[in-house]
Amino acid sequence: ILSVASVVQKPVHIITSTVEHSSV
C-alpha cells in the first residue's frame, strides 16, 4: 500500500472495504 501511495504525486485515492484486516 505504501509503495503505490509513494509514487503518486498528488494525494492518493484508495478503494478498500469495511471488512479488511486491521493491517490494511
mmCIF file of all heavy atoms, coordinates in Angstrom:
data_MODEL
# 
_entry.id   MODEL 
# 
loop_
_atom_site.group_PDB 
_atom_site.id 
_atom_site.type_symbol 
_atom_site.label_atom_id 
_atom_site.label_alt_id 
_atom_site.label_comp_id 
_atom_site.label_asym_id 
_atom_site.label_entity_id 
_atom_site.label_seq_id 
_atom_site.pdbx_PDB_ins_code 
_atom_site.Cartn_x 
_atom_site.Cartn_y 
_atom_site.Cartn_z 
_atom_site.occupancy 
_atom_site.B_iso_or_equiv 
_atom_site.pdbx_formal_charge 
_atom_site.auth_seq_id 
_atom_site.auth_comp_id 
_atom_site.auth_asym_id 
_atom_site.auth_atom_id 
_atom_site.pdbx_PDB_model_num 
ATOM 1   N N   . ILE A 1 1  ? 0.832   -1.208 0.000   1.00 0.00 ? 1  ILE A N   1 
ATOM 2   C CA  . ILE A 1 1  ? 0.000   0.000  0.000   1.00 0.00 ? 1  ILE A CA  1 
ATOM 3   C C   . ILE A 1 1  ? 0.864   1.255  0.000   1.00 0.00 ? 1  ILE A C   1 
ATOM 4   O O   . ILE A 1 1  ? 0.604   2.216  -0.751  1.00 0.00 ? 1  ILE A O   1 
ATOM 5   C CB  . ILE A 1 1  ? -0.969  -0.033 1.192   1.00 0.00 ? 1  ILE A CB  1 
ATOM 6   C CG1 . ILE A 1 1  ? -1.983  -1.171 0.992   1.00 0.00 ? 1  ILE A CG1 1 
ATOM 7   C CG2 . ILE A 1 1  ? -1.696  1.302  1.355   1.00 0.00 ? 1  ILE A CG2 1 
ATOM 8   C CD1 . ILE A 1 1  ? -2.834  -1.483 2.206   1.00 0.00 ? 1  ILE A CD1 1 
ATOM 9   N N   . LEU A 1 2  ? 1.926   1.264  0.815   1.00 0.00 ? 2  LEU A N   1 
ATOM 10  C CA  . LEU A 1 2  ? 2.816   2.423  0.845   1.00 0.00 ? 2  LEU A CA  1 
ATOM 11  C C   . LEU A 1 2  ? 3.585   2.564  -0.470  1.00 0.00 ? 2  LEU A C   1 
ATOM 12  O O   . LEU A 1 2  ? 3.891   3.687  -0.887  1.00 0.00 ? 2  LEU A O   1 
ATOM 13  C CB  . LEU A 1 2  ? 3.779   2.315  2.018   1.00 0.00 ? 2  LEU A CB  1 
ATOM 14  C CG  . LEU A 1 2  ? 3.157   2.521  3.401   1.00 0.00 ? 2  LEU A CG  1 
ATOM 15  C CD1 . LEU A 1 2  ? 4.167   2.209  4.492   1.00 0.00 ? 2  LEU A CD1 1 
ATOM 16  C CD2 . LEU A 1 2  ? 2.618   3.942  3.563   1.00 0.00 ? 2  LEU A CD2 1 
ATOM 17  N N   . SER A 1 3  ? 3.914   1.457  -1.115  1.00 0.00 ? 3  SER A N   1 
ATOM 18  C CA  . SER A 1 3  ? 4.612   1.521  -2.402  1.00 0.00 ? 3  SER A CA  1 
ATOM 19  C C   . SER A 1 3  ? 3.775   2.255  -3.442  1.00 0.00 ? 3  SER A C   1 
ATOM 20  O O   . SER A 1 3  ? 4.271   3.129  -4.160  1.00 0.00 ? 3  SER A O   1 
ATOM 21  C CB  . SER A 1 3  ? 4.936   0.113  -2.902  1.00 0.00 ? 3  SER A CB  1 
ATOM 22  O OG  . SER A 1 3  ? 5.907   -0.509 -2.102  1.00 0.00 ? 3  SER A OG  1 
ATOM 23  N N   . VAL A 1 4  ? 2.509   1.895  -3.521  1.00 0.00 ? 4  VAL A N   1 
ATOM 24  C CA  . VAL A 1 4  ? 1.639   2.534  -4.503  1.00 0.00 ? 4  VAL A CA  1 
ATOM 25  C C   . VAL A 1 4  ? 1.441   4.005  -4.151  1.00 0.00 ? 4  VAL A C   1 
ATOM 26  O O   . VAL A 1 4  ? 1.505   4.887  -5.021  1.00 0.00 ? 4  VAL A O   1 
ATOM 27  C CB  . VAL A 1 4  ? 0.286   1.798  -4.585  1.00 0.00 ? 4  VAL A CB  1 
ATOM 28  C CG1 . VAL A 1 4  ? -0.654  2.528  -5.548  1.00 0.00 ? 4  VAL A CG1 1 
ATOM 29  C CG2 . VAL A 1 4  ? 0.489   0.353  -5.033  1.00 0.00 ? 4  VAL A CG2 1 
ATOM 30  N N   . ALA A 1 5  ? 1.235   4.284  -2.868  1.00 0.00 ? 5  ALA A N   1 
ATOM 31  C CA  . ALA A 1 5  ? 0.999   5.662  -2.446  1.00 0.00 ? 5  ALA A CA  1 
ATOM 32  C C   . ALA A 1 5  ? 2.218   6.552  -2.681  1.00 0.00 ? 5  ALA A C   1 
ATOM 33  O O   . ALA A 1 5  ? 2.092   7.741  -2.986  1.00 0.00 ? 5  ALA A O   1 
ATOM 34  C CB  . ALA A 1 5  ? 0.606   5.691  -0.964  1.00 0.00 ? 5  ALA A CB  1 
ATOM 35  N N   . SER A 1 6  ? 3.417   5.972  -2.574  1.00 0.00 ? 6  SER A N   1 
ATOM 36  C CA  . SER A 1 6  ? 4.636   6.782  -2.636  1.00 0.00 ? 6  SER A CA  1 
ATOM 37  C C   . SER A 1 6  ? 4.968   7.278  -4.035  1.00 0.00 ? 6  SER A C   1 
ATOM 38  O O   . SER A 1 6  ? 5.719   8.238  -4.186  1.00 0.00 ? 6  SER A O   1 
ATOM 39  C CB  . SER A 1 6  ? 5.817   5.976  -2.094  1.00 0.00 ? 6  SER A CB  1 
ATOM 40  O OG  . SER A 1 6  ? 6.163   4.920  -2.980  1.00 0.00 ? 6  SER A OG  1 
ATOM 41  N N   . VAL A 1 7  ? 4.431   6.637  -5.055  1.00 0.00 ? 7  VAL A N   1 
ATOM 42  C CA  . VAL A 1 7  ? 4.782   7.039  -6.425  1.00 0.00 ? 7  VAL A CA  1 
ATOM 43  C C   . VAL A 1 7  ? 3.766   8.012  -7.016  1.00 0.00 ? 7  VAL A C   1 
ATOM 44  O O   . VAL A 1 7  ? 3.915   8.447  -8.147  1.00 0.00 ? 7  VAL A O   1 
ATOM 45  C CB  . VAL A 1 7  ? 4.916   5.801  -7.343  1.00 0.00 ? 7  VAL A CB  1 
ATOM 46  C CG1 . VAL A 1 7  ? 6.024   4.898  -6.846  1.00 0.00 ? 7  VAL A CG1 1 
ATOM 47  C CG2 . VAL A 1 7  ? 3.597   5.041  -7.449  1.00 0.00 ? 7  VAL A CG2 1 
ATOM 48  N N   . VAL A 1 8  ? 2.733   8.350  -6.245  1.00 0.00 ? 8  VAL A N   1 
ATOM 49  C CA  . VAL A 1 8  ? 1.701   9.269  -6.731  1.00 0.00 ? 8  VAL A CA  1 
ATOM 50  C C   . VAL A 1 8  ? 2.038   10.680 -6.264  1.00 0.00 ? 8  VAL A C   1 
ATOM 51  O O   . VAL A 1 8  ? 2.258   10.915 -5.074  1.00 0.00 ? 8  VAL A O   1 
ATOM 52  C CB  . VAL A 1 8  ? 0.308   8.845  -6.206  1.00 0.00 ? 8  VAL A CB  1 
ATOM 53  C CG1 . VAL A 1 8  ? -0.759  9.815  -6.705  1.00 0.00 ? 8  VAL A CG1 1 
ATOM 54  C CG2 . VAL A 1 8  ? -0.003  7.424  -6.658  1.00 0.00 ? 8  VAL A CG2 1 
ATOM 55  N N   . GLN A 1 9  ? 2.098   11.613 -7.191  1.00 0.00 ? 9  GLN A N   1 
ATOM 56  C CA  . GLN A 1 9  ? 2.495   12.986 -6.859  1.00 0.00 ? 9  GLN A CA  1 
ATOM 57  C C   . GLN A 1 9  ? 1.410   13.722 -6.076  1.00 0.00 ? 9  GLN A C   1 
ATOM 58  O O   . GLN A 1 9  ? 1.686   14.413 -5.109  1.00 0.00 ? 9  GLN A O   1 
ATOM 59  C CB  . GLN A 1 9  ? 2.814   13.762 -8.152  1.00 0.00 ? 9  GLN A CB  1 
ATOM 60  C CG  . GLN A 1 9  ? 3.943   13.153 -8.967  1.00 0.00 ? 9  GLN A CG  1 
ATOM 61  C CD  . GLN A 1 9  ? 5.230   13.041 -8.173  1.00 0.00 ? 9  GLN A CD  1 
ATOM 62  O OE1 . GLN A 1 9  ? 5.646   13.985 -7.509  1.00 0.00 ? 9  GLN A OE1 1 
ATOM 63  N NE2 . GLN A 1 9  ? 5.879   11.879 -8.229  1.00 0.00 ? 9  GLN A NE2 1 
ATOM 64  N N   . LYS A 1 10 ? 0.158   13.548 -6.450  1.00 0.00 ? 10 LYS A N   1 
ATOM 65  C CA  . LYS A 1 10 ? -0.936  14.200 -5.727  1.00 0.00 ? 10 LYS A CA  1 
ATOM 66  C C   . LYS A 1 10 ? -1.495  13.227 -4.697  1.00 0.00 ? 10 LYS A C   1 
ATOM 67  O O   . LYS A 1 10 ? -1.184  12.028 -4.739  1.00 0.00 ? 10 LYS A O   1 
ATOM 68  C CB  . LYS A 1 10 ? -2.022  14.609 -6.720  1.00 0.00 ? 10 LYS A CB  1 
ATOM 69  C CG  . LYS A 1 10 ? -2.440  13.514 -7.679  1.00 0.00 ? 10 LYS A CG  1 
ATOM 70  C CD  . LYS A 1 10 ? -3.268  14.068 -8.828  1.00 0.00 ? 10 LYS A CD  1 
ATOM 71  C CE  . LYS A 1 10 ? -3.568  12.970 -9.840  1.00 0.00 ? 10 LYS A CE  1 
ATOM 72  N NZ  . LYS A 1 10 ? -4.327  13.455 -10.988 1.00 0.00 ? 10 LYS A NZ  1 
ATOM 73  N N   . PRO A 1 11 ? -2.299  13.704 -3.735  1.00 0.00 ? 11 PRO A N   1 
ATOM 74  C CA  . PRO A 1 11 ? -2.860  12.800 -2.721  1.00 0.00 ? 11 PRO A CA  1 
ATOM 75  C C   . PRO A 1 11 ? -3.564  11.602 -3.360  1.00 0.00 ? 11 PRO A C   1 
ATOM 76  O O   . PRO A 1 11 ? -4.383  11.749 -4.261  1.00 0.00 ? 11 PRO A O   1 
ATOM 77  C CB  . PRO A 1 11 ? -3.850  13.680 -1.961  1.00 0.00 ? 11 PRO A CB  1 
ATOM 78  C CG  . PRO A 1 11 ? -3.284  15.055 -2.097  1.00 0.00 ? 11 PRO A CG  1 
ATOM 79  C CD  . PRO A 1 11 ? -2.688  15.096 -3.469  1.00 0.00 ? 11 PRO A CD  1 
ATOM 80  N N   . VAL A 1 12 ? -3.204  10.417 -2.896  1.00 0.00 ? 12 VAL A N   1 
ATOM 81  C CA  . VAL A 1 12 ? -3.674  9.181  -3.494  1.00 0.00 ? 12 VAL A CA  1 
ATOM 82  C C   . VAL A 1 12 ? -5.133  8.915  -3.123  1.00 0.00 ? 12 VAL A C   1 
ATOM 83  O O   . VAL A 1 12 ? -5.608  9.336  -2.065  1.00 0.00 ? 12 VAL A O   1 
ATOM 84  C CB  . VAL A 1 12 ? -2.769  8.013  -3.034  1.00 0.00 ? 12 VAL A CB  1 
ATOM 85  C CG1 . VAL A 1 12 ? -2.936  7.750  -1.542  1.00 0.00 ? 12 VAL A CG1 1 
ATOM 86  C CG2 . VAL A 1 12 ? -3.047  6.738  -3.818  1.00 0.00 ? 12 VAL A CG2 1 
ATOM 87  N N   . HIS A 1 13 ? -5.838  8.231  -4.011  1.00 0.00 ? 13 HIS A N   1 
ATOM 88  C CA  . HIS A 1 13 ? -7.184  7.726  -3.693  1.00 0.00 ? 13 HIS A CA  1 
ATOM 89  C C   . HIS A 1 13 ? -7.122  6.214  -3.691  1.00 0.00 ? 13 HIS A C   1 
ATOM 90  O O   . HIS A 1 13 ? -6.700  5.587  -4.673  1.00 0.00 ? 13 HIS A O   1 
ATOM 91  C CB  . HIS A 1 13 ? -8.220  8.197  -4.717  1.00 0.00 ? 13 HIS A CB  1 
ATOM 92  C CG  . HIS A 1 13 ? -9.586  7.602  -4.498  1.00 0.00 ? 13 HIS A CG  1 
ATOM 93  N ND1 . HIS A 1 13 ? -10.337 7.038  -5.504  1.00 0.00 ? 13 HIS A ND1 1 
ATOM 94  C CD2 . HIS A 1 13 ? -10.327 7.464  -3.367  1.00 0.00 ? 13 HIS A CD2 1 
ATOM 95  C CE1 . HIS A 1 13 ? -11.489 6.598  -5.010  1.00 0.00 ? 13 HIS A CE1 1 
ATOM 96  N NE2 . HIS A 1 13 ? -11.500 6.848  -3.719  1.00 0.00 ? 13 HIS A NE2 1 
ATOM 97  N N   . ILE A 1 14 ? -7.517  5.628  -2.572  1.00 0.00 ? 14 ILE A N   1 
ATOM 98  C CA  . ILE A 1 14 ? -7.506  4.174  -2.394  1.00 0.00 ? 14 ILE A CA  1 
ATOM 99  C C   . ILE A 1 14 ? -8.931  3.699  -2.189  1.00 0.00 ? 14 ILE A C   1 
ATOM 100 O O   . ILE A 1 14 ? -9.713  4.325  -1.461  1.00 0.00 ? 14 ILE A O   1 
ATOM 101 C CB  . ILE A 1 14 ? -6.644  3.784  -1.167  1.00 0.00 ? 14 ILE A CB  1 
ATOM 102 C CG1 . ILE A 1 14 ? -5.198  4.230  -1.366  1.00 0.00 ? 14 ILE A CG1 1 
ATOM 103 C CG2 . ILE A 1 14 ? -6.719  2.280  -0.897  1.00 0.00 ? 14 ILE A CG2 1 
ATOM 104 C CD1 . ILE A 1 14 ? -4.343  4.099  -0.110  1.00 0.00 ? 14 ILE A CD1 1 
ATOM 105 N N   . ILE A 1 15 ? -9.258  2.586  -2.817  1.00 0.00 ? 15 ILE A N   1 
ATOM 106 C CA  . ILE A 1 15 ? -10.560 1.946  -2.589  1.00 0.00 ? 15 ILE A CA  1 
ATOM 107 C C   . ILE A 1 15 ? -10.310 0.642  -1.836  1.00 0.00 ? 15 ILE A C   1 
ATOM 108 O O   . ILE A 1 15 ? -9.511  -0.196 -2.269  1.00 0.00 ? 15 ILE A O   1 
ATOM 109 C CB  . ILE A 1 15 ? -11.295 1.650  -3.911  1.00 0.00 ? 15 ILE A CB  1 
ATOM 110 C CG1 . ILE A 1 15 ? -11.535 2.946  -4.689  1.00 0.00 ? 15 ILE A CG1 1 
ATOM 111 C CG2 . ILE A 1 15 ? -12.615 0.941  -3.635  1.00 0.00 ? 15 ILE A CG2 1 
ATOM 112 C CD1 . ILE A 1 15 ? -12.104 2.719  -6.085  1.00 0.00 ? 15 ILE A CD1 1 
ATOM 113 N N   . THR A 1 16 ? -10.989 0.487  -0.717  1.00 0.00 ? 16 THR A N   1 
ATOM 114 C CA  . THR A 1 16 ? -10.893 -0.746 0.050   1.00 0.00 ? 16 THR A CA  1 
ATOM 115 C C   . THR A 1 16 ? -12.291 -1.092 0.559   1.00 0.00 ? 16 THR A C   1 
ATOM 116 O O   . THR A 1 16 ? -13.278 -0.587 0.034   1.00 0.00 ? 16 THR A O   1 
ATOM 117 C CB  . THR A 1 16 ? -9.851  -0.606 1.186   1.00 0.00 ? 16 THR A CB  1 
ATOM 118 O OG1 . THR A 1 16 ? -9.673  -1.858 1.828   1.00 0.00 ? 16 THR A OG1 1 
ATOM 119 C CG2 . THR A 1 16 ? -10.256 0.444  2.219   1.00 0.00 ? 16 THR A CG2 1 
ATOM 120 N N   . SER A 1 17 ? -12.399 -1.939 1.559   1.00 0.00 ? 17 SER A N   1 
ATOM 121 C CA  . SER A 1 17 ? -13.720 -2.305 2.078   1.00 0.00 ? 17 SER A CA  1 
ATOM 122 C C   . SER A 1 17 ? -13.749 -2.157 3.589   1.00 0.00 ? 17 SER A C   1 
ATOM 123 O O   . SER A 1 17 ? -12.705 -2.004 4.242   1.00 0.00 ? 17 SER A O   1 
ATOM 124 C CB  . SER A 1 17 ? -14.086 -3.744 1.687   1.00 0.00 ? 17 SER A CB  1 
ATOM 125 O OG  . SER A 1 17 ? -13.526 -4.679 2.606   1.00 0.00 ? 17 SER A OG  1 
ATOM 126 N N   . THR A 1 18 ? -14.928 -2.229 4.139   1.00 0.00 ? 18 THR A N   1 
ATOM 127 C CA  . THR A 1 18 ? -15.103 -2.096 5.589   1.00 0.00 ? 18 THR A CA  1 
ATOM 128 C C   . THR A 1 18 ? -14.754 -3.370 6.342   1.00 0.00 ? 18 THR A C   1 
ATOM 129 O O   . THR A 1 18 ? -14.739 -3.366 7.578   1.00 0.00 ? 18 THR A O   1 
ATOM 130 C CB  . THR A 1 18 ? -16.556 -1.725 5.917   1.00 0.00 ? 18 THR A CB  1 
ATOM 131 O OG1 . THR A 1 18 ? -17.437 -2.699 5.327   1.00 0.00 ? 18 THR A OG1 1 
ATOM 132 C CG2 . THR A 1 18 ? -16.908 -0.347 5.393   1.00 0.00 ? 18 THR A CG2 1 
ATOM 133 N N   . VAL A 1 19 ? -14.465 -4.465 5.638   1.00 0.00 ? 19 VAL A N   1 
ATOM 134 C CA  . VAL A 1 19 ? -14.229 -5.748 6.325   1.00 0.00 ? 19 VAL A CA  1 
ATOM 135 C C   . VAL A 1 19 ? -12.793 -6.235 6.148   1.00 0.00 ? 19 VAL A C   1 
ATOM 136 O O   . VAL A 1 19 ? -12.508 -7.424 6.288   1.00 0.00 ? 19 VAL A O   1 
ATOM 137 C CB  . VAL A 1 19 ? -15.222 -6.829 5.852   1.00 0.00 ? 19 VAL A CB  1 
ATOM 138 C CG1 . VAL A 1 19 ? -16.643 -6.458 6.238   1.00 0.00 ? 19 VAL A CG1 1 
ATOM 139 C CG2 . VAL A 1 19 ? -15.126 -7.063 4.342   1.00 0.00 ? 19 VAL A CG2 1 
ATOM 140 N N   . GLU A 1 20 ? -11.876 -5.308 5.875   1.00 0.00 ? 20 GLU A N   1 
ATOM 141 C CA  . GLU A 1 20 ? -10.475 -5.691 5.685   1.00 0.00 ? 20 GLU A CA  1 
ATOM 142 C C   . GLU A 1 20 ? -9.809  -6.017 7.020   1.00 0.00 ? 20 GLU A C   1 
ATOM 143 O O   . GLU A 1 20 ? -10.282 -5.646 8.092   1.00 0.00 ? 20 GLU A O   1 
ATOM 144 C CB  . GLU A 1 20 ? -9.716  -4.557 5.004   1.00 0.00 ? 20 GLU A CB  1 
ATOM 145 C CG  . GLU A 1 20 ? -10.211 -4.204 3.627   1.00 0.00 ? 20 GLU A CG  1 
ATOM 146 C CD  . GLU A 1 20 ? -10.117 -5.363 2.645   1.00 0.00 ? 20 GLU A CD  1 
ATOM 147 O OE1 . GLU A 1 20 ? -9.017  -5.940 2.511   1.00 0.00 ? 20 GLU A OE1 1 
ATOM 148 O OE2 . GLU A 1 20 ? -11.140 -5.672 2.008   1.00 0.00 ? 20 GLU A OE2 1 
ATOM 149 N N   . HIS A 1 21 ? -8.665  -6.662 6.931   1.00 0.00 ? 21 HIS A N   1 
ATOM 150 C CA  . HIS A 1 21 ? -7.832  -6.912 8.097   1.00 0.00 ? 21 HIS A CA  1 
ATOM 151 C C   . HIS A 1 21 ? -7.306  -5.578 8.619   1.00 0.00 ? 21 HIS A C   1 
ATOM 152 O O   . HIS A 1 21 ? -7.151  -4.617 7.877   1.00 0.00 ? 21 HIS A O   1 
ATOM 153 C CB  . HIS A 1 21 ? -6.664  -7.825 7.699   1.00 0.00 ? 21 HIS A CB  1 
ATOM 154 C CG  . HIS A 1 21 ? -5.853  -8.306 8.845   1.00 0.00 ? 21 HIS A CG  1 
ATOM 155 N ND1 . HIS A 1 21 ? -4.723  -7.642 9.291   1.00 0.00 ? 21 HIS A ND1 1 
ATOM 156 C CD2 . HIS A 1 21 ? -5.994  -9.396 9.654   1.00 0.00 ? 21 HIS A CD2 1 
ATOM 157 C CE1 . HIS A 1 21 ? -4.199  -8.293 10.309  1.00 0.00 ? 21 HIS A CE1 1 
ATOM 158 N NE2 . HIS A 1 21 ? -4.946  -9.362 10.555  1.00 0.00 ? 21 HIS A NE2 1 
ATOM 159 N N   . SER A 1 22 ? -7.016  -5.529 9.908   1.00 0.00 ? 22 SER A N   1 
ATOM 160 C CA  . SER A 1 22 ? -6.558  -4.278 10.529  1.00 0.00 ? 22 SER A CA  1 
ATOM 161 C C   . SER A 1 22 ? -5.271  -3.749 9.907   1.00 0.00 ? 22 SER A C   1 
ATOM 162 O O   . SER A 1 22 ? -5.030  -2.541 9.896   1.00 0.00 ? 22 SER A O   1 
ATOM 163 C CB  . SER A 1 22 ? -6.364  -4.483 12.036  1.00 0.00 ? 22 SER A CB  1 
ATOM 164 O OG  . SER A 1 22 ? -5.447  -5.543 12.289  1.00 0.00 ? 22 SER A OG  1 
ATOM 165 N N   . SER A 1 23 ? -4.437  -4.632 9.355   1.00 0.00 ? 23 SER A N   1 
ATOM 166 C CA  . SER A 1 23 ? -3.182  -4.174 8.752   1.00 0.00 ? 23 SER A CA  1 
ATOM 167 C C   . SER A 1 23 ? -3.420  -3.411 7.460   1.00 0.00 ? 23 SER A C   1 
ATOM 168 O O   . SER A 1 23 ? -2.538  -2.663 7.012   1.00 0.00 ? 23 SER A O   1 
ATOM 169 C CB  . SER A 1 23 ? -2.249  -5.361 8.483   1.00 0.00 ? 23 SER A CB  1 
ATOM 170 O OG  . SER A 1 23 ? -2.847  -6.286 7.596   1.00 0.00 ? 23 SER A OG  1 
ATOM 171 N N   . VAL A 1 24 ? -4.580  -3.569 6.856   1.00 0.00 ? 24 VAL A N   1 
ATOM 172 C CA  . VAL A 1 24 ? -4.955  -2.769 5.688   1.00 0.00 ? 24 VAL A CA  1 
ATOM 173 C C   . VAL A 1 24 ? -5.708  -1.517 6.136   1.00 0.00 ? 24 VAL A C   1 
ATOM 174 O O   . VAL A 1 24 ? -5.396  -0.394 5.724   1.00 0.00 ? 24 VAL A O   1 
ATOM 175 C CB  . VAL A 1 24 ? -5.806  -3.597 4.703   1.00 0.00 ? 24 VAL A CB  1 
ATOM 176 C CG1 . VAL A 1 24 ? -6.439  -2.705 3.634   1.00 0.00 ? 24 VAL A CG1 1 
ATOM 177 C CG2 . VAL A 1 24 ? -4.946  -4.673 4.044   1.00 0.00 ? 24 VAL A CG2 1 
# 
